[in-house]
Amino acid sequence: MPAVAVLCLVLLAMLAVAQVAHLHPNQTDADHCQLCIVMHTLVPAAIAAAVIVLVHMGASAPQAEPVLIAHQRQIRLFIRPPPPVSW
């Protein structure tokens, strides 16, 4: 079983290198490229599998650093809007 897992990982790594290395002359060719279709189909499944493994292991999500934003107090010179202009 570990040998099969290593073989799958090696094949996935080779496909990832091939995906990065190839180019299409125009954007519409990517819609018919079998390599592009396979790689874009596998990415959501791989992310879901990684999340399932992390949740199963009990790993917590990294805490986000708070970002402080300094707000300047706006001084309002008028308490109401100007009257409508009727011509």
C-alpha atoms as a PDB file:
ATOM      1  CA  MET A   1       0.000   0.000   0.000  1.00  0.00           C
ATOM      2  CA  PRO A   2       2.759   2.563   0.742  1.00  0.00           C
ATOM      3  CA  ALA A   3       4.373   1.787  -2.620  1.00  0.00           C
ATOM      4  CA  VAL A   4       1.112   2.536  -4.444  1.00  0.00           C
ATOM      5  CA  ALA A   5       0.761   5.830  -2.544  1.00  0.00           C
ATOM      6  CA  VAL A   6       4.327   6.835  -3.433  1.00  0.00           C
ATOM      7  CA  LEU A   7       3.728   5.887  -7.076  1.00  0.00           C
ATOM      8  CA  CYS A   8       0.568   8.026  -7.178  1.00  0.00           C
ATOM      9  CA  LEU A   9       2.395  10.970  -5.615  1.00  0.00           C
ATOM     10  CA  VAL A  10       5.234  10.687  -8.122  1.00  0.00           C
ATOM     11  CA  LEU A  11       2.773  10.570 -11.029  1.00  0.00           C
ATOM     12  CA  LEU A  12       0.903  13.575  -9.631  1.00  0.00           C
ATOM     13  CA  ALA A  13       4.166  15.501  -9.275  1.00  0.00           C
ATOM     14  CA  MET A  14       5.116  14.681 -12.880  1.00  0.00           C
ATOM     15  CA  LEU A  15       1.694  15.859 -14.094  1.00  0.00           C
ATOM     16  CA  ALA A  16       2.055  19.067 -12.086  1.00  0.00           C
ATOM     17  CA  VAL A  17       5.425  19.783 -13.729  1.00  0.00           C
ATOM     18  CA  ALA A  18       3.926  19.064 -17.151  1.00  0.00           C
ATOM     19  CA  GLN A  19       0.984  21.363 -16.390  1.00  0.00           C
ATOM     20  CA  VAL A  20       3.259  24.229 -15.446  1.00  0.00           C
ATOM     21  CA  ALA A  21       5.598  23.698 -18.396  1.00  0.00           C
ATOM     22  CA  HIS A  22       3.078  23.621 -21.237  1.00  0.00           C
ATOM     23  CA  LEU A  23       1.507  26.637 -22.934  1.00  0.00           C
ATOM     24  CA  HIS A  24      -1.388  27.252 -25.303  1.00  0.00           C
ATOM     25  CA  PRO A  25      -1.217  29.739 -28.196  1.00  0.00           C
ATOM     26  CA  ASN A  26      -4.668  31.064 -27.323  1.00  0.00           C
ATOM     27  CA  GLN A  27      -7.121  30.660 -24.437  1.00  0.00           C
ATOM     28  CA  THR A  28      -9.641  28.504 -26.326  1.00  0.00           C
ATOM     29  CA  ASP A  29      -7.109  25.692 -26.773  1.00  0.00           C
ATOM     30  CA  ALA A  30      -7.049  25.139 -22.998  1.00  0.00           C
ATOM     31  CA  ASP A  31     -10.726  24.102 -23.120  1.00  0.00           C
ATOM     32  CA  HIS A  32      -9.843  21.071 -25.241  1.00  0.00           C
ATOM     33  CA  CYS A  33      -6.491  20.161 -23.657  1.00  0.00           C
ATOM     34  CA  GLN A  34      -6.820  16.858 -21.776  1.00  0.00           C
ATOM     35  CA  LEU A  35      -4.007  17.731 -19.380  1.00  0.00           C
ATOM     36  CA  CYS A  36      -5.643  21.033 -18.399  1.00  0.00           C
ATOM     37  CA  ILE A  37      -9.012  19.361 -17.894  1.00  0.00           C
ATOM     38  CA  VAL A  38      -7.539  16.635 -15.661  1.00  0.00           C
ATOM     39  CA  MET A  39      -5.451  19.004 -13.544  1.00  0.00           C
ATOM     40  CA  HIS A  40      -8.297  21.479 -13.005  1.00  0.00           C
ATOM     41  CA  THR A  41     -10.611  18.598 -12.059  1.00  0.00           C
ATOM     42  CA  LEU A  42      -8.205  17.113  -9.494  1.00  0.00           C
ATOM     43  CA  VAL A  43      -7.371  20.309  -7.583  1.00  0.00           C
ATOM     44  CA  PRO A  44     -10.715  20.656  -5.713  1.00  0.00           C
ATOM     45  CA  ALA A  45     -10.650  16.958  -4.797  1.00  0.00           C
ATOM     46  CA  ALA A  46      -7.080  17.220  -3.493  1.00  0.00           C
ATOM     47  CA  ILE A  47      -7.952  20.261  -1.381  1.00  0.00           C
ATOM     48  CA  ALA A  48     -10.998  18.495   0.047  1.00  0.00           C
ATOM     49  CA  ALA A  49      -8.906  15.425   0.892  1.00  0.00           C
ATOM     50  CA  ALA A  50      -6.299  17.572   2.654  1.00  0.00           C
ATOM     51  CA  VAL A  51      -8.991  19.327   4.696  1.00  0.00           C
ATOM     52  CA  ILE A  52     -10.534  15.993   5.706  1.00  0.00           C
ATOM     53  CA  VAL A  53      -7.143  14.678   6.856  1.00  0.00           C
ATOM     54  CA  LEU A  54      -6.388  17.851   8.829  1.00  0.00           C
ATOM     55  CA  VAL A  55      -9.790  17.789  10.540  1.00  0.00           C
ATOM     56  CA  HIS A  56      -9.389  14.101  11.317  1.00  0.00           C
ATOM     57  CA  MET A  57      -5.975  14.767  12.885  1.00  0.00           C
ATOM     58  CA  GLY A  58      -7.488  17.515  14.990  1.00  0.00           C
ATOM     59  CA  ALA A  59      -5.403  20.294  13.518  1.00  0.00           C
ATOM     60  CA  SER A  60      -6.866  23.703  14.070  1.00  0.00           C
ATOM     61  CA  ALA A  61      -6.999  26.412  11.465  1.00  0.00           C
ATOM     62  CA  PRO A  62      -4.282  29.061  11.762  1.00  0.00           C
ATOM     63  CA  GLN A  63      -5.458  32.186  13.509  1.00  0.00           C
ATOM     64  CA  ALA A  64      -5.545  35.288  11.364  1.00  0.00           C
ATOM     65  CA  GLU A  65      -3.488  38.247  12.485  1.00  0.00           C
ATOM     66  CA  PRO A  66      -5.681  41.233  13.286  1.00  0.00           C
ATOM     67  CA  VAL A  67      -5.147  44.196  11.005  1.00  0.00           C
ATOM     68  CA  LEU A  68      -5.467  47.570  12.665  1.00  0.00           C
ATOM     69  CA  ILE A  69      -6.839  50.332  10.503  1.00  0.00           C
ATOM     70  CA  ALA A  70      -6.554  53.887  11.741  1.00  0.00           C
ATOM     71  CA  HIS A  71      -9.698  55.861  11.074  1.00  0.00           C
ATOM     72  CA  GLN A  72      -9.671  59.608  11.264  1.00  0.00           C
ATOM     73  CA  ARG A  73     -12.741  61.166  12.713  1.00  0.00           C
ATOM     74  CA  GLN A  74     -14.581  63.140  10.108  1.00  0.00           C
ATOM     75  CA  ILE A  75     -15.707  66.539  11.279  1.00  0.00           C
ATOM     76  CA  ARG A  76     -19.030  67.491   9.815  1.00  0.00           C
ATOM     77  CA  LEU A  77     -19.361  71.188   9.205  1.00  0.00           C
ATOM     78  CA  PHE A  78     -23.047  71.031   8.383  1.00  0.00           C
ATOM     79  CA  ILE A  79     -25.855  69.367  10.295  1.00  0.00           C
ATOM     80  CA  ARG A  80     -28.143  69.072   7.285  1.00  0.00           C
ATOM     81  CA  PRO A  81     -27.768  68.983   3.508  1.00  0.00           C
ATOM     82  CA  PRO A  82     -28.234  72.134   1.426  1.00  0.00           C
ATOM     83  CA  PRO A  83     -31.775  72.973   0.340  1.00  0.00           C
ATOM     84  CA  PRO A  84     -32.885  71.720  -3.077  1.00  0.00           C
ATOM     85  CA  VAL A  85     -32.484  74.142  -5.906  1.00  0.00           C
ATOM     86  CA  SER A  86     -35.699  74.883  -7.736  1.00  0.00           C
ATOM     87  CA  TRP A  87     -35.286  76.837 -10.945  1.00  0.00           C
END
